Amino acid sequence: MFKHVGARRTFSHNLRLASLLSAVAGMVNICGLLSFNTLTTNVTGHITLLSEEIYLEDYSLAFIFFMYVLCFLLGAFTSGLLMEHFSQRGPRYTYITPITMELCLLILVALSPLTKYINYNISPLFLSCILLFSMGLQNALVTKISRSVVRTTHLTGLFTDLGLDLSRLVFRKEQVALHTTRKDAKLKIIIILFFFGGGVLAAFAYPSLKVKTLFLPALLLAFTLWYDNILFRYTRILRKLQGR
């Protein structure tokens, strides 16, 4: 699911990657909204609000939105650095560190004592920044591995691309092109549905778990690492047996 990069990736690889990590993004996004009144995957919205607050000359609030955007950017930057560094050890090591870091950050926010002081301005700002950083980590990881085929937090672009795919299905006659377009549309629909489903699941869990709802996406990330490790070991054993 992770170790195949770019052209080596199949539709099945991208489908598993998209479904699991888009659900994670949906969960984190709704937890950020319900806990800290912050959308942690919506950089476009934060840029818009930043522009508005600058116009209104509310520079303290503008600074908050600037920090949100910056933290997402830093997450993506950090993810890129980690992937470039660890890719020298092999494709399998490219994703382990960013995913593990994201998992740890989600657990950190879920267990943070700062959640007890949520009415103070600094606490939701700091914790929201951590979540935005983690989403930057994830989105950069998925984008690089899939060569921009999969994006788990960018629904505006996904709906745009899905609309274009659906329009191609109406007019394009070549069978091969139709098959590719159908697969592309299916992948985008899966990402949207799992993002939505993850958000709904976390929303229903939130009244009972509160900010500890973040353990759900953390567990899903842990499962993703475990599952990919099992597939990797299975593939190695299979190749050794075939080599004999």
C-alpha atoms as a PDB file:
ATOM      1  CA  MET A   1       0.000   0.000   0.000  1.00  0.00           C
ATOM      2  CA  PHE A   2       2.858   2.396   0.827  1.00  0.00           C
ATOM      3  CA  LYS A   3       6.021   0.801  -0.514  1.00  0.00           C
ATOM      4  CA  HIS A   4       4.918   1.030  -4.158  1.00  0.00           C
ATOM      5  CA  VAL A   5       5.559   4.555  -5.431  1.00  0.00           C
ATOM      6  CA  GLY A   6       4.447   6.350  -8.578  1.00  0.00           C
ATOM      7  CA  ALA A   7       4.124   4.184 -11.682  1.00  0.00           C
ATOM      8  CA  ARG A   8       4.551   1.004  -9.636  1.00  0.00           C
ATOM      9  CA  ARG A   9       1.326   1.687  -7.822  1.00  0.00           C
ATOM     10  CA  THR A  10      -1.860  -0.058  -8.898  1.00  0.00           C
ATOM     11  CA  PHE A  11      -5.448   1.077  -8.552  1.00  0.00           C
ATOM     12  CA  SER A  12      -5.820  -1.350  -5.629  1.00  0.00           C
ATOM     13  CA  HIS A  13      -2.872   0.252  -3.794  1.00  0.00           C
ATOM     14  CA  ASN A  14      -4.360   3.727  -4.192  1.00  0.00           C
ATOM     15  CA  LEU A  15      -7.827   2.525  -3.207  1.00  0.00           C
ATOM     16  CA  ARG A  16      -6.639   1.085   0.122  1.00  0.00           C
ATOM     17  CA  LEU A  17      -4.478   4.129   0.801  1.00  0.00           C
ATOM     18  CA  ALA A  18      -7.322   6.519  -0.013  1.00  0.00           C
ATOM     19  CA  SER A  19      -9.977   4.754   2.048  1.00  0.00           C
ATOM     20  CA  LEU A  20      -7.930   4.421   5.236  1.00  0.00           C
ATOM     21  CA  LEU A  21      -6.247   7.821   5.326  1.00  0.00           C
ATOM     22  CA  SER A  22      -9.235   9.826   4.108  1.00  0.00           C
ATOM     23  CA  ALA A  23     -11.196   8.325   7.020  1.00  0.00           C
ATOM     24  CA  VAL A  24      -8.395   9.457   9.331  1.00  0.00           C
ATOM     25  CA  ALA A  25      -8.584  12.986   7.896  1.00  0.00           C
ATOM     26  CA  GLY A  26     -12.364  13.089   8.323  1.00  0.00           C
ATOM     27  CA  MET A  27     -12.088  12.029  11.964  1.00  0.00           C
ATOM     28  CA  VAL A  28      -9.356  14.526  12.769  1.00  0.00           C
ATOM     29  CA  ASN A  29     -11.243  17.330  11.046  1.00  0.00           C
ATOM     30  CA  ILE A  30     -14.469  16.839  13.018  1.00  0.00           C
ATOM     31  CA  CYS A  31     -12.534  16.425  16.283  1.00  0.00           C
ATOM     32  CA  GLY A  32     -10.742  19.707  15.652  1.00  0.00           C
ATOM     33  CA  LEU A  33     -14.034  21.426  14.925  1.00  0.00           C
ATOM     34  CA  LEU A  34     -15.903  20.068  17.952  1.00  0.00           C
ATOM     35  CA  SER A  35     -12.993  20.429  20.387  1.00  0.00           C
ATOM     36  CA  PHE A  36     -11.300  23.647  19.284  1.00  0.00           C
ATOM     37  CA  ASN A  37     -13.737  25.158  16.756  1.00  0.00           C
ATOM     38  CA  THR A  38     -11.072  24.738  14.081  1.00  0.00           C
ATOM     39  CA  LEU A  39     -11.214  22.932  10.743  1.00  0.00           C
ATOM     40  CA  THR A  40      -7.881  21.156  10.553  1.00  0.00           C
ATOM     41  CA  THR A  41      -7.955  20.188   6.855  1.00  0.00           C
ATOM     42  CA  ASN A  42      -9.380  23.377   5.361  1.00  0.00           C
ATOM     43  CA  VAL A  43      -6.434  25.588   4.445  1.00  0.00           C
ATOM     44  CA  THR A  44      -8.492  27.426   1.812  1.00  0.00           C
ATOM     45  CA  GLY A  45     -10.953  28.547   4.477  1.00  0.00           C
ATOM     46  CA  HIS A  46      -8.165  29.743   6.768  1.00  0.00           C
ATOM     47  CA  ILE A  47      -6.594  31.781   3.955  1.00  0.00           C
ATOM     48  CA  THR A  48      -9.977  33.400   3.301  1.00  0.00           C
ATOM     49  CA  LEU A  49     -10.457  34.236   6.989  1.00  0.00           C
ATOM     50  CA  LEU A  50      -6.886  35.542   7.178  1.00  0.00           C
ATOM     51  CA  SER A  51      -7.662  37.938   4.342  1.00  0.00           C
ATOM     52  CA  GLU A  52     -10.873  39.051   6.045  1.00  0.00           C
ATOM     53  CA  GLU A  53      -9.205  39.735   9.401  1.00  0.00           C
ATOM     54  CA  ILE A  54      -6.429  41.737   7.747  1.00  0.00           C
ATOM     55  CA  TYR A  55      -9.098  43.842   6.034  1.00  0.00           C
ATOM     56  CA  LEU A  56     -10.900  44.291   9.375  1.00  0.00           C
ATOM     57  CA  GLU A  57      -7.545  45.177  11.001  1.00  0.00           C
ATOM     58  CA  ASP A  58      -7.989  42.454  13.619  1.00  0.00           C
ATOM     59  CA  TYR A  59      -4.345  41.445  13.486  1.00  0.00           C
ATOM     60  CA  SER A  60      -4.438  39.192  16.540  1.00  0.00           C
ATOM     61  CA  LEU A  61      -7.076  36.990  14.895  1.00  0.00           C
ATOM     62  CA  ALA A  62      -5.280  37.263  11.557  1.00  0.00           C
ATOM     63  CA  PHE A  63      -2.154  35.937  13.264  1.00  0.00           C
ATOM     64  CA  ILE A  64      -4.080  32.859  14.443  1.00  0.00           C
ATOM     65  CA  PHE A  65      -5.220  32.014  10.916  1.00  0.00           C
ATOM     66  CA  PHE A  66      -1.704  32.651   9.639  1.00  0.00           C
ATOM     67  CA  MET A  67      -0.387  30.160  12.211  1.00  0.00           C
ATOM     68  CA  TYR A  68      -2.932  27.560  11.052  1.00  0.00           C
ATOM     69  CA  VAL A  69      -1.782  27.871   7.445  1.00  0.00           C
ATOM     70  CA  LEU A  70       1.880  27.892   8.456  1.00  0.00           C
ATOM     71  CA  CYS A  71       1.531  24.744  10.586  1.00  0.00           C
ATOM     72  CA  PHE A  72      -0.082  22.821   7.721  1.00  0.00           C
ATOM     73  CA  LEU A  73       2.753  23.978   5.451  1.00  0.00           C
ATOM     74  CA  LEU A  74       5.387  22.998   8.029  1.00  0.00           C
ATOM     75  CA  GLY A  75       3.768  19.569   8.354  1.00  0.00           C
ATOM     76  CA  ALA A  76       3.996  19.036   4.603  1.00  0.00           C
ATOM     77  CA  PHE A  77       7.577  20.345   4.590  1.00  0.00           C
ATOM     78  CA  THR A  78       8.580  18.035   7.450  1.00  0.00           C
ATOM     79  CA  SER A  79       6.939  15.073   5.751  1.00  0.00           C
ATOM     80  CA  GLY A  80       8.869  15.810   2.553  1.00  0.00           C
ATOM     81  CA  LEU A  81      12.182  16.050   4.436  1.00  0.00           C
ATOM     82  CA  LEU A  82      11.570  12.779   6.275  1.00  0.00           C
ATOM     83  CA  MET A  83      10.587  10.931   3.104  1.00  0.00           C
ATOM     84  CA  GLU A  84      13.641  12.184   1.199  1.00  0.00           C
ATOM     85  CA  HIS A  85      15.944  11.233   4.070  1.00  0.00           C
ATOM     86  CA  PHE A  86      14.568   7.764   4.758  1.00  0.00           C
ATOM     87  CA  SER A  87      14.001   6.841   1.098  1.00  0.00           C
ATOM     88  CA  GLN A  88      17.732   6.113   0.904  1.00  0.00           C
ATOM     89  CA  ARG A  89      17.123   3.050   3.069  1.00  0.00           C
ATOM     90  CA  GLY A  90      14.435   1.733   0.728  1.00  0.00           C
ATOM     91  CA  PRO A  91      10.811   2.483  -0.270  1.00  0.00           C
ATOM     92  CA  ARG A  92       9.410   0.794   2.818  1.00  0.00           C
ATOM     93  CA  TYR A  93      11.069   3.297   5.149  1.00  0.00           C
ATOM     94  CA  THR A  94       9.748   6.303   3.257  1.00  0.00           C
ATOM     95  CA  TYR A  95       6.345   6.350   4.953  1.00  0.00           C
ATOM     96  CA  ILE A  96       6.964   4.831   8.390  1.00  0.00           C
ATOM     97  CA  THR A  97       8.364   7.941  10.086  1.00  0.00           C
ATOM     98  CA  PRO A  98       5.725  10.476   8.863  1.00  0.00           C
ATOM     99  CA  ILE A  99       2.842   8.113   9.704  1.00  0.00           C
ATOM    100  CA  THR A 100       4.348   7.297  13.122  1.00  0.00           C
ATOM    101  CA  MET A 101       4.845  10.997  13.830  1.00  0.00           C
ATOM    102  CA  GLU A 102       1.249  11.740  12.876  1.00  0.00           C
ATOM    103  CA  LEU A 103       0.016   8.922  15.109  1.00  0.00           C
ATOM    104  CA  CYS A 104       2.043  10.246  18.064  1.00  0.00           C
ATOM    105  CA  LEU A 105       0.793  13.805  17.525  1.00  0.00           C
ATOM    106  CA  LEU A 106      -2.836  12.676  17.582  1.00  0.00           C
ATOM    107  CA  ILE A 107      -2.259  10.767  20.821  1.00  0.00           C
ATOM    108  CA  LEU A 108      -0.423  13.797  22.249  1.00  0.00           C
ATOM    109  CA  VAL A 109      -3.434  16.044  21.608  1.00  0.00           C
ATOM    110  CA  ALA A 110      -5.874  13.424  22.930  1.00  0.00           C
ATOM    111  CA  LEU A 111      -3.940  13.117  26.200  1.00  0.00           C
ATOM    112  CA  SER A 112      -2.780  16.726  26.495  1.00  0.00           C
ATOM    113  CA  PRO A 113      -3.481  18.394  29.858  1.00  0.00           C
ATOM    114  CA  LEU A 114      -4.121  21.586  27.873  1.00  0.00           C
ATOM    115  CA  THR A 115      -7.561  20.244  26.941  1.00  0.00           C
ATOM    116  CA  LYS A 116      -8.591  21.017  30.533  1.00  0.00           C
ATOM    117  CA  TYR A 117      -7.988  24.711  29.829  1.00  0.00           C
ATOM    118  CA  ILE A 118      -9.883  24.881  26.572  1.00  0.00           C
ATOM    119  CA  ASN A 119     -11.493  28.197  27.485  1.00  0.00           C
ATOM    120  CA  TYR A 120      -8.091  29.880  27.432  1.00  0.00           C
ATOM    121  CA  ASN A 121      -7.115  31.241  24.016  1.00  0.00           C
ATOM    122  CA  ILE A 122      -3.643  29.676  23.891  1.00  0.00           C
ATOM    123  CA  SER A 123      -4.793  26.077  24.451  1.00  0.00           C
ATOM    124  CA  PRO A 124      -7.093  25.603  21.423  1.00  0.00           C
ATOM    125  CA  LEU A 125      -4.629  27.562  19.254  1.00  0.00           C
ATOM    126  CA  PHE A 126      -1.691  25.332  20.183  1.00  0.00           C
ATOM    127  CA  LEU A 127      -3.625  22.075  19.907  1.00  0.00           C
ATOM    128  CA  SER A 128      -5.240  23.112  16.622  1.00  0.00           C
ATOM    129  CA  CYS A 129      -1.792  23.884  15.229  1.00  0.00           C
ATOM    130  CA  ILE A 130      -0.638  20.370  16.137  1.00  0.00           C
ATOM    131  CA  LEU A 131      -3.607  18.850  14.296  1.00  0.00           C
ATOM    132  CA  LEU A 132      -3.002  21.041  11.232  1.00  0.00           C
ATOM    133  CA  PHE A 133       0.651  20.029  11.280  1.00  0.00           C
ATOM    134  CA  SER A 134      -0.351  16.350  11.397  1.00  0.00           C
ATOM    135  CA  MET A 135      -2.713  16.786   8.447  1.00  0.00           C
ATOM    136  CA  GLY A 136       0.077  18.480   6.500  1.00  0.00           C
ATOM    137  CA  LEU A 137       2.271  15.473   7.257  1.00  0.00           C
ATOM    138  CA  GLN A 138      -0.362  13.064   5.993  1.00  0.00           C
ATOM    139  CA  ASN A 139      -1.378  14.951   2.875  1.00  0.00           C
ATOM    140  CA  ALA A 140       2.218  15.435   1.715  1.00  0.00           C
ATOM    141  CA  LEU A 141       2.957  11.751   2.325  1.00  0.00           C
ATOM    142  CA  VAL A 142      -0.048  10.554   0.333  1.00  0.00           C
ATOM    143  CA  THR A 143       0.537  13.076  -2.454  1.00  0.00           C
ATOM    144  CA  LYS A 144       4.181  12.067  -2.909  1.00  0.00           C
ATOM    145  CA  ILE A 145       3.596   8.310  -2.765  1.00  0.00           C
ATOM    146  CA  SER A 146       0.705   8.404  -5.241  1.00  0.00           C
ATOM    147  CA  ARG A 147       2.221  11.196  -7.372  1.00  0.00           C
ATOM    148  CA  SER A 148      -0.774  13.440  -6.686  1.00  0.00           C
ATOM    149  CA  VAL A 149      -3.330  10.771  -7.611  1.00  0.00           C
ATOM    150  CA  VAL A 150      -4.592  10.576  -4.005  1.00  0.00           C
ATOM    151  CA  ARG A 151      -5.197  13.562  -1.724  1.00  0.00           C
ATOM    152  CA  THR A 152      -6.977  12.805   1.512  1.00  0.00           C
ATOM    153  CA  THR A 153      -7.766  16.321   2.766  1.00  0.00           C
ATOM    154  CA  HIS A 154      -8.388  18.376  -0.382  1.00  0.00           C
ATOM    155  CA  LEU A 155     -12.081  17.831  -1.081  1.00  0.00           C
ATOM    156  CA  THR A 156     -12.539  20.988  -3.166  1.00  0.00           C
ATOM    157  CA  GLY A 157     -10.087  19.682  -5.733  1.00  0.00           C
ATOM    158  CA  LEU A 158     -11.577  16.202  -5.511  1.00  0.00           C
ATOM    159  CA  PHE A 159     -15.093  17.423  -6.288  1.00  0.00           C
ATOM    160  CA  THR A 160     -13.704  19.473  -9.185  1.00  0.00           C
ATOM    161  CA  ASP A 161     -11.833  16.484 -10.619  1.00  0.00           C
ATOM    162  CA  LEU A 162     -14.839  14.221 -10.052  1.00  0.00           C
ATOM    163  CA  GLY A 163     -17.049  16.615 -11.973  1.00  0.00           C
ATOM    164  CA  LEU A 164     -14.571  16.584 -14.861  1.00  0.00           C
ATOM    165  CA  ASP A 165     -14.402  12.769 -14.798  1.00  0.00           C
ATOM    166  CA  LEU A 166     -18.186  12.504 -14.901  1.00  0.00           C
ATOM    167  CA  SER A 167     -18.317  14.891 -17.856  1.00  0.00           C
ATOM    168  CA  ARG A 168     -15.764  12.735 -19.711  1.00  0.00           C
ATOM    169  CA  LEU A 169     -17.928   9.672 -19.138  1.00  0.00           C
ATOM    170  CA  VAL A 170     -20.748  11.422 -20.984  1.00  0.00           C
ATOM    171  CA  PHE A 171     -18.789  12.334 -24.131  1.00  0.00           C
ATOM    172  CA  ARG A 172     -15.686  10.164 -24.416  1.00  0.00           C
ATOM    173  CA  LYS A 173     -16.188   7.093 -26.622  1.00  0.00           C
ATOM    174  CA  GLU A 174     -12.830   5.241 -26.467  1.00  0.00           C
ATOM    175  CA  GLN A 175     -13.178   2.112 -24.338  1.00  0.00           C
ATOM    176  CA  VAL A 176      -9.706   2.321 -22.772  1.00  0.00           C
ATOM    177  CA  ALA A 177     -10.187   5.975 -21.851  1.00  0.00           C
ATOM    178  CA  LEU A 178     -13.615   5.212 -20.389  1.00  0.00           C
ATOM    179  CA  HIS A 179     -12.155   2.438 -18.237  1.00  0.00           C
ATOM    180  CA  THR A 180      -9.446   4.758 -16.871  1.00  0.00           C
ATOM    181  CA  THR A 181     -11.930   7.559 -16.231  1.00  0.00           C
ATOM    182  CA  ARG A 182     -14.282   5.209 -14.383  1.00  0.00           C
ATOM    183  CA  LYS A 183     -11.446   4.096 -12.116  1.00  0.00           C
ATOM    184  CA  ASP A 184     -10.417   7.703 -11.456  1.00  0.00           C
ATOM    185  CA  ALA A 185     -13.996   8.655 -10.607  1.00  0.00           C
ATOM    186  CA  LYS A 186     -14.381   5.619  -8.348  1.00  0.00           C
ATOM    187  CA  LEU A 187     -11.212   6.533  -6.438  1.00  0.00           C
ATOM    188  CA  LYS A 188     -12.395  10.099  -5.859  1.00  0.00           C
ATOM    189  CA  ILE A 189     -15.834   8.911  -4.713  1.00  0.00           C
ATOM    190  CA  ILE A 190     -14.166   6.511  -2.241  1.00  0.00           C
ATOM    191  CA  ILE A 191     -12.045   9.321  -0.780  1.00  0.00           C
ATOM    192  CA  ILE A 192     -15.082  11.582  -0.379  1.00  0.00           C
ATOM    193  CA  LEU A 193     -17.236   8.854   1.168  1.00  0.00           C
ATOM    194  CA  PHE A 194     -14.581   7.689   3.620  1.00  0.00           C
ATOM    195  CA  PHE A 195     -13.754  11.264   4.625  1.00  0.00           C
ATOM    196  CA  PHE A 196     -17.458  11.821   5.252  1.00  0.00           C
ATOM    197  CA  GLY A 197     -17.877   8.453   6.987  1.00  0.00           C
ATOM    198  CA  GLY A 198     -14.876   9.064   9.249  1.00  0.00           C
ATOM    199  CA  GLY A 199     -16.298  12.442  10.213  1.00  0.00           C
ATOM    200  CA  VAL A 200     -19.739  10.997  10.986  1.00  0.00           C
ATOM    201  CA  LEU A 201     -18.264   8.166  13.070  1.00  0.00           C
ATOM    202  CA  ALA A 202     -16.105  10.557  15.084  1.00  0.00           C
ATOM    203  CA  ALA A 203     -19.025  12.962  15.543  1.00  0.00           C
ATOM    204  CA  PHE A 204     -21.166  10.206  17.079  1.00  0.00           C
ATOM    205  CA  ALA A 205     -18.284   9.107  19.312  1.00  0.00           C
ATOM    206  CA  TYR A 206     -17.430  12.651  20.435  1.00  0.00           C
ATOM    207  CA  PRO A 207     -20.177  13.138  23.079  1.00  0.00           C
ATOM    208  CA  SER A 208     -18.781  10.163  25.001  1.00  0.00           C
ATOM    209  CA  LEU A 209     -15.052  10.452  24.294  1.00  0.00           C
ATOM    210  CA  LYS A 210     -14.612  14.228  23.805  1.00  0.00           C
ATOM    211  CA  VAL A 211     -11.103  15.034  22.556  1.00  0.00           C
ATOM    212  CA  LYS A 212     -10.077  11.426  23.182  1.00  0.00           C
ATOM    213  CA  THR A 213     -12.030  10.659  20.006  1.00  0.00           C
ATOM    214  CA  LEU A 214      -8.649  11.283  18.380  1.00  0.00           C
ATOM    215  CA  PHE A 215      -7.691   7.801  19.550  1.00  0.00           C
ATOM    216  CA  LEU A 216      -9.918   6.479  16.732  1.00  0.00           C
ATOM    217  CA  PRO A 217      -7.819   7.919  13.874  1.00  0.00           C
ATOM    218  CA  ALA A 218      -4.660   7.038  15.835  1.00  0.00           C
ATOM    219  CA  LEU A 219      -5.810   3.408  16.002  1.00  0.00           C
ATOM    220  CA  LEU A 220      -6.605   3.474  12.296  1.00  0.00           C
ATOM    221  CA  LEU A 221      -3.093   4.726  11.545  1.00  0.00           C
ATOM    222  CA  ALA A 222      -1.634   1.984  13.751  1.00  0.00           C
ATOM    223  CA  PHE A 223      -3.728  -0.569  11.867  1.00  0.00           C
ATOM    224  CA  THR A 224      -2.500   0.878   8.568  1.00  0.00           C
ATOM    225  CA  LEU A 225       1.142   0.399   9.612  1.00  0.00           C
ATOM    226  CA  TRP A 226       0.458  -3.123  10.884  1.00  0.00           C
ATOM    227  CA  TYR A 227      -1.479  -4.108   7.771  1.00  0.00           C
ATOM    228  CA  ASP A 228       1.201  -2.809   5.424  1.00  0.00           C
ATOM    229  CA  ASN A 229       3.889  -4.600   7.429  1.00  0.00           C
ATOM    230  CA  ILE A 230       1.960  -7.882   7.149  1.00  0.00           C
ATOM    231  CA  LEU A 231       1.636  -7.422   3.369  1.00  0.00           C
ATOM    232  CA  PHE A 232       5.342  -6.648   3.108  1.00  0.00           C
ATOM    233  CA  ARG A 233       6.335  -9.792   5.020  1.00  0.00           C
ATOM    234  CA  TYR A 234       3.898 -11.908   3.030  1.00  0.00           C
ATOM    235  CA  THR A 235       5.326 -10.598  -0.258  1.00  0.00           C
ATOM    236  CA  ARG A 236       8.903 -11.327   0.837  1.00  0.00           C
ATOM    237  CA  ILE A 237       8.047 -14.877   1.872  1.00  0.00           C
ATOM    238  CA  LEU A 238       6.178 -15.457  -1.385  1.00  0.00           C
ATOM    239  CA  ARG A 239       9.115 -14.216  -3.460  1.00  0.00           C
ATOM    240  CA  LYS A 240      11.542 -16.449  -1.568  1.00  0.00           C
ATOM    241  CA  LEU A 241       9.335 -19.472  -2.165  1.00  0.00           C
ATOM    242  CA  GLN A 242       8.999 -18.620  -5.849  1.00  0.00           C
ATOM    243  CA  GLY A 243      12.778 -18.165  -6.056  1.00  0.00           C
ATOM    244  CA  ARG A 244      13.262 -21.723  -4.947  1.00  0.00           C
END
